[in-house]
Amino acid sequence: MNNARIAFLILCALPVTGCITPPDVVMLDRKTVLEEQASGELYALENELRELVLLPKGVDYTRGQLSDASADLSRTSLSVISEVHALLRLDSEFLDDLLVRRCVGEARSGLIVETTATCAGRTAARRISATVQRVNRARRQLWEWMHSQQPDRSLDEIRNSWRQHHLAAVVCGGQIEDEDGAWMVKQC
């Protein structure tokens, strides 16, 4: 009986070990790391280049325009002014991009909120958080200043009035929270 089993196993193994040879070229459905790099699938570099495009350029002001605006023309004051101005321009352009890509949204509270679940594309989470915090801080300070100028109105009234005017300036396609708490896209 053992001889019959051995003969049966040998007969079954013969077709498997026969003249079957693998093809010379084997196609895979996935690229190698080198092919991915060569084809340009470098997401970190892509994000870095996209963010470099958003860097602002200086606005040309003459010395006369600055002195007419009662600006301090000492070298240190001018560098601080230009840095703050560049930072604000950078934030607004970056924020518009994030609003359109649904990474952030204009909340009912008047503040910017992160909406990472709906974000399209790759982004630097640390940079988004820093921008959102900076913009929200600036908005709160603006509302406090407006409240100090109009103490007869409540802070909520001022904030809601500001938000209504601000929504008109939000970029087309930006994400806005409606009164029901649902996110919608601004149509223009």
Protein backbone atom coordinates (compact mmCIF):
# COMPACT_ATOMS: atom_id res chain seq x y z
CA MET A 1 0.00 0.00 0.00
CA ASN A 2 2.85 2.36 0.77
CA ASN A 3 4.36 1.73 -2.67
CA ALA A 4 1.06 2.64 -4.32
CA ARG A 5 0.90 5.92 -2.39
CA ILE A 6 4.47 6.81 -3.28
CA ALA A 7 3.83 6.06 -6.96
CA PHE A 8 0.66 8.16 -6.88
CA LEU A 9 2.53 11.13 -5.33
CA ILE A 10 5.30 10.84 -7.92
CA LEU A 11 2.76 10.81 -10.75
CA CYS A 12 1.03 13.89 -9.30
CA ALA A 13 4.32 15.75 -8.87
CA LEU A 14 5.60 15.10 -12.41
CA PRO A 15 3.37 17.66 -14.17
CA VAL A 16 4.29 20.28 -11.59
CA THR A 17 8.04 19.77 -12.01
CA GLY A 18 7.78 19.42 -15.77
CA CYS A 19 8.92 21.94 -18.35
CA ILE A 20 7.05 24.88 -16.92
CA THR A 21 9.22 28.01 -16.90
CA PRO A 22 8.33 31.46 -15.63
CA PRO A 23 8.13 34.28 -18.20
CA ASP A 24 11.16 36.48 -18.79
CA VAL A 25 9.29 39.65 -17.78
CA VAL A 26 7.14 39.84 -14.67
CA MET A 27 4.72 42.77 -14.46
CA LEU A 28 3.83 44.18 -11.06
CA ASP A 29 0.91 46.45 -10.31
CA ARG A 30 2.92 48.67 -7.94
CA LYS A 31 5.82 50.99 -8.70
CA THR A 32 9.10 50.67 -6.90
CA VAL A 33 10.22 53.50 -4.62
CA LEU A 34 12.69 54.68 -7.24
CA GLU A 35 9.97 54.76 -9.91
CA GLU A 36 7.66 56.71 -7.59
CA GLN A 37 10.39 59.26 -6.94
CA ALA A 38 11.22 59.51 -10.64
CA SER A 39 7.57 60.00 -11.58
CA GLY A 40 7.27 62.92 -9.18
CA GLU A 41 5.18 61.42 -6.40
CA LEU A 42 6.99 63.33 -3.69
CA TYR A 43 4.20 64.78 -1.57
CA ALA A 44 6.48 66.63 0.86
CA LEU A 45 8.22 68.44 -2.00
CA GLU A 46 4.88 69.13 -3.70
CA ASN A 47 3.49 70.76 -0.54
CA GLU A 48 6.67 72.75 0.01
CA LEU A 49 6.57 74.11 -3.54
CA ARG A 50 2.86 74.97 -3.26
CA GLU A 51 3.50 76.89 -0.05
CA LEU A 52 6.47 78.74 -1.55
CA VAL A 53 4.18 80.06 -4.26
CA LEU A 54 2.05 81.64 -1.54
CA LEU A 55 4.93 83.69 -0.15
CA PRO A 56 4.08 87.37 -0.49
CA LYS A 57 6.17 89.98 -2.16
CA GLY A 58 6.72 93.41 -0.71
CA VAL A 59 4.41 96.29 -1.54
CA ASP A 60 6.24 99.30 -2.90
CA TYR A 61 5.73 102.39 -0.75
CA THR A 62 7.74 105.54 -1.21
CA ARG A 63 9.37 107.22 1.75
CA GLY A 64 6.96 110.13 1.19
CA GLN A 65 3.92 107.85 1.46
CA LEU A 66 5.24 106.38 4.69
CA SER A 67 6.00 109.79 6.20
CA ASP A 68 2.53 111.03 5.16
CA ALA A 69 1.08 108.09 7.07
CA SER A 70 3.08 109.19 10.16
CA ALA A 71 5.15 106.01 10.05
CA ASP A 72 8.34 105.77 12.06
CA LEU A 73 11.04 105.69 9.39
CA SER A 74 13.79 104.19 11.55
CA ARG A 75 15.26 101.00 10.14
CA THR A 76 13.94 98.72 12.91
CA SER A 77 10.38 100.01 12.64
CA LEU A 78 10.31 99.54 8.88
CA SER A 79 11.48 95.95 9.13
CA VAL A 80 8.84 95.15 11.77
CA ILE A 81 6.10 96.76 9.67
CA SER A 82 7.12 94.87 6.55
CA GLU A 83 7.31 91.54 8.43
CA VAL A 84 3.84 91.96 9.93
CA HIS A 85 2.38 93.06 6.60
CA ALA A 86 3.94 90.07 4.82
CA LEU A 87 2.65 87.67 7.48
CA LEU A 88 -0.91 88.99 7.18
CA ARG A 89 -0.88 88.74 3.39
CA LEU A 90 0.54 85.23 3.59
CA ASP A 91 -2.15 84.14 6.06
CA SER A 92 -5.01 85.48 3.96
CA GLU A 93 -3.83 83.77 0.76
CA PHE A 94 -3.10 80.51 2.58
CA LEU A 95 -6.46 80.68 4.37
CA ASP A 96 -8.31 81.18 1.07
CA ASP A 97 -6.61 78.07 -0.30
CA LEU A 98 -7.58 76.09 2.82
CA LEU A 99 -11.20 77.31 2.63
CA VAL A 100 -11.54 76.16 -0.97
CA ARG A 101 -9.89 72.80 -0.24
CA ARG A 102 -12.28 72.33 2.75
CA CYS A 103 -9.43 72.07 5.27
CA VAL A 104 -10.92 74.92 7.32
CA GLY A 105 -14.28 76.61 7.45
CA GLU A 106 -15.88 79.87 8.52
CA ALA A 107 -17.87 78.85 11.61
CA ARG A 108 -21.11 80.46 12.83
CA SER A 109 -19.12 81.89 15.74
CA GLY A 110 -17.11 84.02 13.31
CA LEU A 111 -13.96 82.01 13.97
CA ILE A 112 -12.07 79.70 11.65
CA VAL A 113 -12.28 75.98 12.51
CA GLU A 114 -10.26 73.09 11.17
CA THR A 115 -12.22 70.50 9.21
CA THR A 116 -9.58 67.85 8.60
CA ALA A 117 -12.13 65.14 7.76
CA THR A 118 -13.13 66.96 4.56
CA CYS A 119 -9.70 68.30 3.63
CA ALA A 120 -8.72 67.69 -0.01
CA GLY A 121 -5.03 67.21 -0.64
CA ARG A 122 -2.06 66.97 1.64
CA THR A 123 -1.29 69.77 4.05
CA ALA A 124 1.02 70.57 6.91
CA ALA A 125 -1.22 70.21 9.98
CA ARG A 126 1.13 72.26 12.15
CA ARG A 127 1.03 75.19 9.72
CA ILE A 128 -2.77 75.02 9.45
CA SER A 129 -3.16 75.07 13.23
CA ALA A 130 -0.76 77.99 13.63
CA THR A 131 -2.56 80.00 10.94
CA VAL A 132 -6.01 79.25 12.39
CA GLN A 133 -4.89 80.26 15.89
CA ARG A 134 -3.29 83.48 14.60
CA VAL A 135 -6.36 84.48 12.55
CA ASN A 136 -8.78 83.66 15.37
CA ARG A 137 -6.70 85.67 17.85
CA ALA A 138 -6.71 88.65 15.49
CA ARG A 139 -10.48 88.38 15.05
CA ARG A 140 -11.11 88.26 18.81
CA GLN A 141 -8.90 91.31 19.31
CA LEU A 142 -10.77 93.13 16.55
CA TRP A 143 -14.13 92.33 18.15
CA GLU A 144 -12.89 93.52 21.54
CA TRP A 145 -11.68 96.78 20.00
CA MET A 146 -14.98 97.26 18.16
CA HIS A 147 -16.81 96.61 21.44
CA SER A 148 -14.69 99.25 23.20
CA GLN A 149 -15.70 101.73 20.46
CA GLN A 150 -19.40 100.85 20.81
CA PRO A 151 -19.95 99.84 24.46
CA ASP A 152 -23.74 100.12 24.12
CA ARG A 153 -23.78 97.04 21.81
CA SER A 154 -23.11 93.53 23.07
CA LEU A 155 -20.07 91.59 21.92
CA ASP A 156 -22.38 89.02 20.26
CA GLU A 157 -24.13 91.75 18.24
CA ILE A 158 -20.80 93.14 17.10
CA ARG A 159 -19.47 89.71 16.18
CA ASN A 160 -22.63 88.76 14.23
CA SER A 161 -22.64 92.08 12.38
CA TRP A 162 -18.96 91.68 11.55
CA ARG A 163 -19.57 88.11 10.32
CA GLN A 164 -22.36 89.18 7.97
CA HIS A 165 -20.08 91.75 6.35
CA HIS A 166 -17.10 89.38 6.37
CA LEU A 167 -18.95 86.54 4.59
CA ALA A 168 -19.34 88.77 1.54
CA ALA A 169 -15.53 88.84 1.24
CA VAL A 170 -14.99 85.08 1.71
CA VAL A 171 -13.44 83.45 -1.34
CA CYS A 172 -15.82 81.79 -3.81
CA GLY A 173 -15.97 78.06 -3.14
CA GLY A 174 -14.97 78.54 0.50
CA GLN A 175 -16.56 76.43 3.21
CA ILE A 176 -19.08 78.24 5.45
CA GLU A 177 -21.17 76.92 8.33
CA ASP A 178 -24.85 77.76 7.94
CA GLU A 179 -27.35 78.45 10.73
CA ASP A 180 -28.26 74.74 10.99
CA GLY A 181 -24.64 73.80 11.67
CA ALA A 182 -24.11 72.14 8.27
CA TRP A 183 -21.16 73.07 6.05
CA MET A 184 -21.94 74.61 2.68
CA VAL A 185 -19.86 75.99 -0.17
CA LYS A 186 -20.09 79.72 -0.91
CA GLN A 187 -21.58 80.28 -4.32
CA CYS A 188 -20.64 83.38 -6.31
